[in-house]
Protein backbone atom coordinates (compact mmCIF):
# COMPACT_ATOMS: atom_id res chain seq x y z
CA UNK A 1 33.84 180.78 172.36
CA UNK A 2 37.05 182.37 171.09
CA UNK A 3 40.19 180.23 171.24
CA UNK A 4 43.66 180.62 169.93
CA UNK A 5 42.82 178.06 167.23
CA UNK A 6 39.73 179.85 166.30
CA UNK A 7 41.53 183.23 166.30
CA UNK A 8 44.03 181.84 163.87
CA UNK A 9 41.28 180.50 161.51
CA UNK A 10 39.48 183.82 161.49
CA UNK A 11 42.70 185.85 160.66
CA UNK A 12 43.72 183.20 157.94
CA UNK A 13 40.29 183.44 156.48
CA UNK A 14 40.60 187.13 156.41
CA UNK A 15 43.94 187.16 154.82
CA UNK A 16 42.84 184.60 152.17
CA UNK A 17 39.82 186.83 151.28
CA UNK A 18 42.07 189.87 151.12
CA UNK A 19 44.41 188.11 148.78
CA UNK A 20 41.63 186.91 146.61
CA UNK A 21 40.47 190.55 146.15
CA UNK A 22 43.91 191.60 145.38
CA UNK A 23 44.42 189.06 142.63
CA UNK A 24 40.87 189.47 141.32
CA UNK A 25 41.66 193.14 140.67
CA UNK A 26 44.90 192.26 138.75
CA UNK A 27 43.68 189.29 136.95
CA UNK A 28 40.57 190.32 135.26
CA UNK A 29 39.00 188.41 132.29
CA UNK A 30 41.14 190.16 129.74
CA UNK A 31 44.32 188.94 131.45
CA UNK A 32 42.99 185.46 131.62
CA UNK A 33 41.84 185.46 128.08
CA UNK A 34 44.86 187.08 126.34
CA UNK A 35 47.74 186.10 128.61
CA UNK A 36 47.26 183.39 131.31
CA UNK A 37 45.09 180.86 129.25
CA UNK A 38 47.34 180.81 126.23
CA UNK A 39 50.39 180.90 128.39
CA UNK A 40 49.01 177.85 130.39
CA UNK A 41 48.26 175.93 127.16
CA UNK A 42 51.73 176.66 125.75
CA UNK A 43 53.34 175.83 128.97
CA UNK A 44 51.57 172.42 129.28
CA UNK A 45 52.57 171.61 125.66
CA UNK A 46 56.19 172.56 126.23
CA UNK A 47 56.25 170.60 129.63
CA UNK A 48 54.91 167.47 127.71
CA UNK A 49 57.57 167.91 124.91
CA UNK A 50 60.39 168.04 127.53
CA UNK A 51 59.48 164.64 128.81
CA UNK A 52 59.43 163.20 125.47
CA UNK A 53 62.58 164.84 124.18
CA UNK A 54 65.03 167.39 125.72
CA UNK A 55 65.37 170.61 123.86
CA UNK A 56 68.82 171.49 122.46
CA UNK A 57 69.30 174.50 124.90
CA UNK A 58 68.56 172.38 127.93
CA UNK A 59 72.16 170.81 127.75
CA UNK A 60 73.73 174.21 127.96
CA UNK A 61 72.09 175.26 131.17
CA UNK A 62 73.97 174.34 134.44
CA UNK A 63 71.24 172.32 136.20
CA UNK A 64 73.57 171.37 138.92
CA UNK A 65 72.74 174.80 140.32
CA UNK A 66 69.13 174.09 140.55
CA UNK A 67 69.08 174.73 144.49
CA UNK A 68 69.98 178.34 143.91
CA UNK A 69 66.40 179.82 142.98
CA UNK A 70 64.87 177.69 145.95
CA UNK A 71 67.30 179.51 148.26
CA UNK A 72 66.63 182.89 146.83
CA UNK A 73 62.91 182.36 147.67
CA UNK A 74 63.52 181.07 151.18
CA UNK A 75 65.88 184.03 151.94
CA UNK A 76 63.43 186.64 150.63
CA UNK A 77 60.21 185.15 151.97
CA UNK A 78 59.21 185.80 155.61
CA UNK A 79 57.75 183.90 158.68
CA UNK A 80 54.19 184.54 159.24
CA UNK A 81 53.21 185.25 162.90
CA UNK A 82 49.62 186.29 162.56
CA UNK A 83 50.15 189.08 165.14
CA UNK A 84 48.41 192.40 164.83
CA UNK A 85 49.07 195.73 166.38
CA UNK A 86 45.81 195.84 168.18
CA UNK A 87 46.92 192.58 170.06
CA UNK A 88 48.93 194.94 172.27
CA UNK A 89 45.72 195.96 174.15
CA UNK A 90 44.47 192.41 174.83
CA UNK A 91 46.88 189.73 173.91
CA UNK A 92 49.92 190.80 175.94
CA UNK A 93 47.99 189.56 179.00
CA UNK A 94 47.53 186.20 177.31
CA UNK A 95 51.18 184.93 176.35
CA UNK A 96 49.77 181.52 175.67
CA UNK A 97 47.68 182.89 172.85
CA UNK A 98 50.59 184.62 171.36
CA UNK A 99 52.67 181.41 171.46
CA UNK A 100 49.81 179.54 169.81
CA UNK A 101 49.51 182.13 167.05
CA UNK A 102 53.25 181.96 166.50
CA UNK A 103 53.15 178.13 166.15
CA UNK A 104 50.24 178.14 163.84
CA UNK A 105 52.06 180.89 161.79
CA UNK A 106 55.19 178.79 161.56
CA UNK A 107 53.24 175.66 160.46
CA UNK A 108 51.37 177.81 157.78
CA UNK A 109 54.72 179.17 156.61
CA UNK A 110 56.14 175.74 156.32
CA UNK A 111 53.19 174.26 154.46
CA UNK A 112 52.95 177.16 152.10
CA UNK A 113 56.71 177.06 151.32
CA UNK A 114 56.55 173.30 150.80
CA UNK A 115 53.89 173.80 148.15
CA UNK A 116 56.00 176.35 146.42
CA UNK A 117 59.00 174.18 146.62
CA UNK A 118 57.05 171.14 145.20
CA UNK A 119 55.80 173.42 142.32
CA UNK A 120 59.31 174.43 141.56
CA UNK A 121 60.69 170.94 141.65
CA UNK A 122 57.85 169.65 139.45
CA UNK A 123 58.48 172.47 136.95
CA UNK A 124 62.23 171.39 136.42
CA UNK A 125 61.60 167.74 136.98
CA UNK A 126 62.25 166.55 133.39
CA UNK A 127 65.56 168.24 133.40
CA UNK A 128 66.61 166.89 136.83
CA UNK A 129 65.56 163.36 135.81
CA UNK A 130 66.96 163.23 132.15
CA UNK A 131 69.85 165.47 132.36
CA UNK A 132 71.10 165.07 136.02
CA UNK A 133 69.68 161.49 136.26
CA UNK A 134 68.36 162.11 139.72
CA UNK A 135 66.19 159.47 141.21
CA UNK A 136 62.71 160.05 142.68
CA UNK A 137 64.04 159.15 146.14
CA UNK A 138 66.81 161.78 145.92
CA UNK A 139 64.36 164.42 144.71
CA UNK A 140 61.87 163.59 147.48
CA UNK A 141 64.65 163.87 150.23
CA UNK A 142 65.90 167.17 148.52
CA UNK A 143 62.46 168.60 148.74
CA UNK A 144 62.15 167.62 152.43
CA UNK A 145 65.67 169.07 153.06
CA UNK A 146 64.68 172.28 151.35
CA UNK A 147 61.53 172.74 153.45
CA UNK A 148 63.34 172.07 156.79
CA UNK A 149 66.22 174.46 155.82
CA UNK A 150 63.61 177.06 154.77
CA UNK A 151 62.08 177.08 158.22
CA UNK A 152 65.37 177.13 160.00
CA UNK A 153 66.65 180.08 157.99
CA UNK A 154 63.51 182.00 158.79
CA UNK A 155 63.59 181.26 162.40
CA UNK A 156 67.30 182.38 162.68
CA UNK A 157 66.57 185.49 160.66
CA UNK A 158 63.59 186.30 162.78
CA UNK A 159 65.65 185.94 166.04
CA UNK A 160 68.29 188.16 164.67
CA UNK A 161 65.80 191.00 163.82
CA UNK A 162 64.47 190.83 167.39
CA UNK A 163 67.98 190.98 168.97
CA UNK A 164 69.76 193.61 166.91
CA UNK A 165 69.40 197.01 165.36
CA UNK A 166 71.16 198.96 162.67
CA UNK A 167 74.35 197.81 160.95
CA UNK A 168 74.69 194.86 163.30
CA UNK A 169 71.43 193.50 162.22
CA UNK A 170 72.19 193.74 158.58
CA UNK A 171 75.81 192.21 159.01
CA UNK A 172 74.19 189.43 161.22
CA UNK A 173 71.58 188.70 158.47
CA UNK A 174 74.09 188.76 155.67
CA UNK A 175 76.17 186.21 157.58
CA UNK A 176 73.17 183.93 158.20
CA UNK A 177 72.28 184.18 154.48
CA UNK A 178 75.83 183.41 153.25
CA UNK A 179 76.50 180.60 155.65
CA UNK A 180 72.98 179.01 155.27
CA UNK A 181 73.16 179.33 151.48
CA UNK A 182 76.55 177.86 151.29
CA UNK A 183 75.57 174.79 153.38
CA UNK A 184 72.24 174.35 151.61
CA UNK A 185 73.45 174.72 148.06
CA UNK A 186 76.69 172.85 148.59
CA UNK A 187 74.91 169.95 150.23
CA UNK A 188 72.42 169.46 147.36
CA UNK A 189 75.06 169.80 144.71
CA UNK A 190 77.41 167.35 146.36
CA UNK A 191 74.96 164.71 147.40
CA UNK A 192 72.13 165.21 144.94
CA UNK A 193 72.72 161.56 143.50
CA UNK A 194 72.87 160.16 147.15
CA UNK A 195 69.32 159.78 148.72
CA UNK A 196 70.78 158.58 152.03
CA UNK A 197 73.20 161.31 152.21
CA UNK A 198 70.36 163.96 151.77
CA UNK A 199 68.20 162.18 154.28
CA UNK A 200 70.99 162.46 156.82
CA UNK A 201 71.43 166.13 156.08
CA UNK A 202 67.62 166.61 156.56
CA UNK A 203 67.67 164.82 159.86
CA UNK A 204 70.59 166.81 161.01
CA UNK A 205 68.51 170.00 160.58
CA UNK A 206 65.88 168.74 162.98
CA UNK A 207 67.78 169.22 166.34
CA UNK A 208 68.59 172.89 165.45
CA UNK A 209 65.08 173.31 164.29
CA UNK A 210 63.68 171.86 167.58
CA UNK A 211 66.14 174.01 169.63
CA UNK A 212 65.16 177.23 168.00
CA UNK A 213 61.46 176.57 168.42
CA UNK A 214 61.91 175.81 172.14
CA UNK A 215 64.03 178.79 172.80
CA UNK A 216 61.39 181.12 170.90
CA UNK A 217 58.53 179.61 173.00
CA UNK A 218 60.40 179.89 176.22
CA UNK A 219 61.39 183.59 175.60
CA UNK A 220 58.20 184.75 174.31
CA UNK A 221 59.97 186.76 171.54
CA UNK A 222 59.46 190.49 170.74
CA UNK A 223 55.96 191.59 170.13
CA UNK A 224 56.95 194.62 167.89
CA UNK A 225 59.25 192.43 165.81
CA UNK A 226 56.44 189.89 165.39
CA UNK A 227 54.08 192.71 164.21
CA UNK A 228 56.60 194.18 161.85
CA UNK A 229 57.37 190.82 160.23
CA UNK A 230 53.72 190.05 159.90
CA UNK A 231 52.90 193.26 158.16
CA UNK A 232 55.80 192.94 155.66
CA UNK A 233 54.85 189.21 154.86
CA UNK A 234 51.13 190.11 154.58
CA UNK A 235 51.67 192.89 152.14
CA UNK A 236 54.08 191.14 149.91
CA UNK A 237 51.69 190.19 147.06
CA UNK A 238 50.01 193.43 147.46
CA UNK A 239 53.17 195.26 146.86
CA UNK A 240 53.88 192.96 143.94
CA UNK A 241 50.67 193.94 142.21
CA UNK A 242 50.69 197.61 143.20
CA UNK A 243 46.93 197.70 144.09
CA UNK A 244 45.54 199.25 147.27
CA UNK A 245 43.02 196.56 148.05
CA UNK A 246 44.39 196.30 151.60
CA UNK A 247 45.97 199.36 153.15
CA UNK A 248 49.53 198.56 154.41
CA UNK A 249 50.32 199.71 157.95
CA UNK A 250 54.12 200.09 157.98
CA UNK A 251 55.99 200.70 161.15
CA UNK A 252 57.22 204.40 160.97
CA UNK A 253 61.10 204.69 161.01
CA UNK A 254 62.91 207.97 160.36
CA UNK A 255 66.17 207.34 158.82
CA UNK A 256 68.35 208.62 156.14
CA UNK A 257 67.91 206.85 152.75
CA UNK A 258 70.66 204.72 151.36
CA UNK A 259 70.12 206.11 147.76
CA UNK A 260 69.91 209.66 146.99
CA UNK A 261 70.92 210.56 150.49
CA UNK A 262 71.13 214.32 149.84
CA UNK A 263 68.12 214.60 147.71
CA UNK A 264 70.18 216.30 144.86
CA UNK A 265 68.72 216.93 141.43
CA UNK A 266 68.37 214.29 138.77
CA UNK A 267 67.61 216.25 135.79
CA UNK A 268 68.63 219.77 134.61
CA UNK A 269 65.01 220.87 133.64
CA UNK A 270 63.25 222.58 136.64
CA UNK A 271 59.61 222.48 135.32
CA UNK A 272 57.03 220.94 137.64
CA UNK A 273 56.54 217.76 135.65
CA UNK A 274 60.33 216.97 135.70
CA UNK A 275 60.43 217.70 139.50
CA UNK A 276 57.37 215.26 139.78
CA UNK A 277 59.35 212.57 137.74
CA UNK A 278 62.36 213.15 140.16
CA UNK A 279 60.13 212.63 143.22
CA UNK A 280 58.69 209.43 141.79
CA UNK A 281 62.09 207.90 140.82
CA UNK A 282 63.57 208.67 144.22
CA UNK A 283 60.49 207.16 145.93
CA UNK A 284 60.84 204.00 143.76
CA UNK A 285 64.47 203.25 144.33
CA UNK A 286 64.14 204.05 147.97
CA UNK A 287 61.33 201.45 148.53
CA UNK A 288 63.23 198.20 148.94
CA UNK A 289 60.20 195.98 148.61
CA UNK A 290 59.40 197.52 145.18
CA UNK A 291 62.89 197.75 144.08
CA UNK A 292 63.44 194.05 144.85
CA UNK A 293 60.41 193.15 142.76
CA UNK A 294 61.83 195.33 139.98
CA UNK A 295 65.20 193.35 140.19
CA UNK A 296 63.36 190.04 140.41
CA UNK A 297 61.31 190.85 137.32
CA UNK A 298 64.42 191.69 135.30
CA UNK A 299 66.27 188.56 136.45
CA UNK A 300 63.40 186.14 135.77
CA UNK A 301 62.54 187.62 132.53
CA UNK A 302 66.35 187.69 131.46
CA UNK A 303 66.52 183.99 132.42
CA UNK A 304 63.44 183.27 130.21
CA UNK A 305 65.14 185.02 127.36
CA UNK A 306 68.11 182.77 127.71
CA UNK A 307 66.01 179.56 127.86
CA UNK A 308 63.85 180.73 124.80
CA UNK A 309 64.98 180.16 121.29
CA UNK A 310 66.82 183.18 120.12
CA UNK A 311 64.42 184.52 117.54
CA UNK A 312 61.63 184.26 119.99
CA UNK A 313 63.56 186.47 122.41
CA UNK A 314 63.17 189.49 119.96
CA UNK A 315 59.27 189.12 120.37
CA UNK A 316 59.50 188.62 124.08
CA UNK A 317 61.38 191.91 124.60
CA UNK A 318 58.24 193.69 123.41
CA UNK A 319 56.09 191.46 125.58
CA UNK A 320 58.16 192.02 128.69
CA UNK A 321 58.21 195.77 128.02
CA UNK A 322 54.43 195.80 127.92
CA UNK A 323 54.20 193.83 131.09
CA UNK A 324 56.88 196.33 132.73
CA UNK A 325 54.97 199.33 131.52
CA UNK A 326 51.69 197.99 132.97
CA UNK A 327 53.33 197.40 136.32
CA UNK A 328 54.97 200.82 136.40
CA UNK A 329 51.46 202.28 135.59
CA UNK A 330 50.12 200.57 138.58
CA UNK A 331 52.91 201.80 140.67
CA UNK A 332 52.02 205.44 139.59
CA UNK A 333 48.49 204.99 140.58
CA UNK A 334 49.32 203.98 144.10
CA UNK A 335 52.18 206.43 144.55
CA UNK A 336 50.37 209.53 143.02
CA UNK A 337 47.55 208.99 145.61
CA UNK A 338 49.92 209.44 148.64
CA UNK A 339 49.01 212.48 150.79
CA UNK A 340 52.37 214.00 150.33
CA UNK A 341 52.17 213.97 146.52
CA UNK A 342 48.39 214.91 146.37
CA UNK A 343 48.85 218.02 148.42
CA UNK A 344 50.33 219.91 145.52
CA UNK A 345 48.11 221.20 142.69
CA UNK A 346 49.45 219.24 139.77
CA UNK A 347 47.99 220.03 136.41
CA UNK A 348 47.16 217.24 133.93
CA UNK A 349 50.24 218.38 131.71
CA UNK A 350 52.46 218.14 134.69
CA UNK A 351 51.14 214.65 135.83
CA UNK A 352 51.48 213.41 132.13
CA UNK A 353 55.17 214.71 132.01
CA UNK A 354 56.11 213.28 135.41
CA UNK A 355 54.61 209.86 134.62
CA UNK A 356 56.09 209.75 131.22
CA UNK A 357 59.76 210.84 132.07
CA UNK A 358 59.87 208.63 135.15
CA UNK A 359 58.33 205.67 133.19
CA UNK A 360 61.12 206.02 130.56
CA UNK A 361 63.93 205.90 133.13
CA UNK A 362 62.35 203.05 134.99
CA UNK A 363 61.92 200.83 131.84
CA UNK A 364 65.24 201.85 130.15
CA UNK A 365 67.40 199.58 132.29
CA UNK A 366 65.13 196.63 131.75
CA UNK A 367 65.20 197.16 128.00
CA UNK A 368 68.87 197.53 128.07
CA UNK A 369 69.50 194.27 129.93
CA UNK A 370 67.02 192.27 127.69
CA UNK A 371 68.39 193.70 124.48
CA UNK A 372 72.03 192.86 125.48
CA UNK A 373 71.00 189.40 126.42
CA UNK A 374 69.18 188.58 123.27
CA UNK A 375 71.65 190.37 120.98
CA UNK A 376 74.64 188.36 122.54
CA UNK A 377 72.67 185.08 122.11
CA UNK A 378 72.06 185.87 118.40
CA UNK A 379 75.24 187.59 117.17
CA UNK A 380 77.58 187.81 120.19
CA UNK A 381 79.13 191.12 121.18
CA UNK A 382 78.28 192.87 117.93
CA UNK A 383 74.68 191.71 118.12
CA UNK A 384 74.41 193.04 121.70
CA UNK A 385 75.55 196.51 120.68
CA UNK A 386 73.27 196.44 117.69
CA UNK A 387 70.05 195.25 119.31
CA UNK A 388 70.67 197.42 122.37
CA UNK A 389 71.00 200.45 120.22
CA UNK A 390 67.82 199.56 118.24
CA UNK A 391 65.82 198.88 121.22
CA UNK A 392 66.83 201.93 123.15
CA UNK A 393 66.27 204.04 120.19
CA UNK A 394 62.78 202.80 119.55
CA UNK A 395 62.05 203.20 123.28
CA UNK A 396 63.49 206.67 123.13
CA UNK A 397 61.57 207.50 119.97
CA UNK A 398 58.21 206.50 121.42
CA UNK A 399 58.96 208.53 124.63
CA UNK A 400 59.75 211.74 122.58
CA UNK A 401 56.64 211.24 120.45
CA UNK A 402 54.48 211.08 123.47
CA UNK A 403 56.17 214.08 124.96
CA UNK A 404 55.68 216.22 121.95
CA UNK A 405 51.91 215.95 122.36
CA UNK A 406 51.97 217.81 125.54
CA UNK A 407 54.85 220.37 124.87
């Protein structure tokens, strides 16, 4: 007999199988053999060395700001509702089932986020213990406080999405992000060494959390908003890997884009390959999910370059550029199969030109940020200019060499 609990289990199992297929497509045996296994071995070795002796660069990192990356994750991740479009036909007559699914989704989101936060705390634990001198009690309460605030922020954001539209929705969401971020980060920075203070702060979150849950269950929420939020959260990892294992079902919204609002030309050339490149670049920057992933990759890799020894940063620039090129290639495969793009009879030469030109301009900003970062660490401002010029020249030279093959 089908019950709300069994329906949640079925949908959760289907989601996990779907994610397994996505990651299996991306992480084949070559990735495990050449990247993940060596990286895991090196990472375990470095982690062990951090516990034995702190590296010299660790004292230059502002570890007091350790709550910042956790808040970035909690503000970007979504609340799971496990509500689907087809539920409109059957589930609206069963509001109790929808409430049960929402509760299960909230619990699933809380457990999943706590695992992510625990992994994050464990990764930087040597620095928090040896540099900030935090006790295990402080870290445990900080982890609990982070998990409770994460659920609270998601519930508030979810309620704002359901109640507002347009600019008012974005302004309210920005206000929630700023206020909650300030309270969360300031609390942990100010009371990180006081376990009882963090415990009191965690207990103070509970009444607000309980109130929001009761209001949501009493009102029933917005079915359309639950579906939209669930679809966005469900396709996060698929968008990250750019593989069409599961077909996304976005809510159709006709609106003027924020970037390139008038669809003006980007390049002087008017050949078909250049036009194809323009179409792809505009589609890339107008897709906020993909653009946020691109910005996140640039930020995380830049932080890694800062933490690594300076000479190793030069090698990692090339490694990161290979990763970025691979990801951009996956994006091309997905984007080029869209019906609007496929309706035109593109020749192989035009496809190559469009892919190469767009790839150059989509990787160039990443290469610029990485080279400026490593150059400044090595030789200051002069090093930034020199390494920036060298990396861009090499990237442009490789691009022109590839273009000459089809010209």
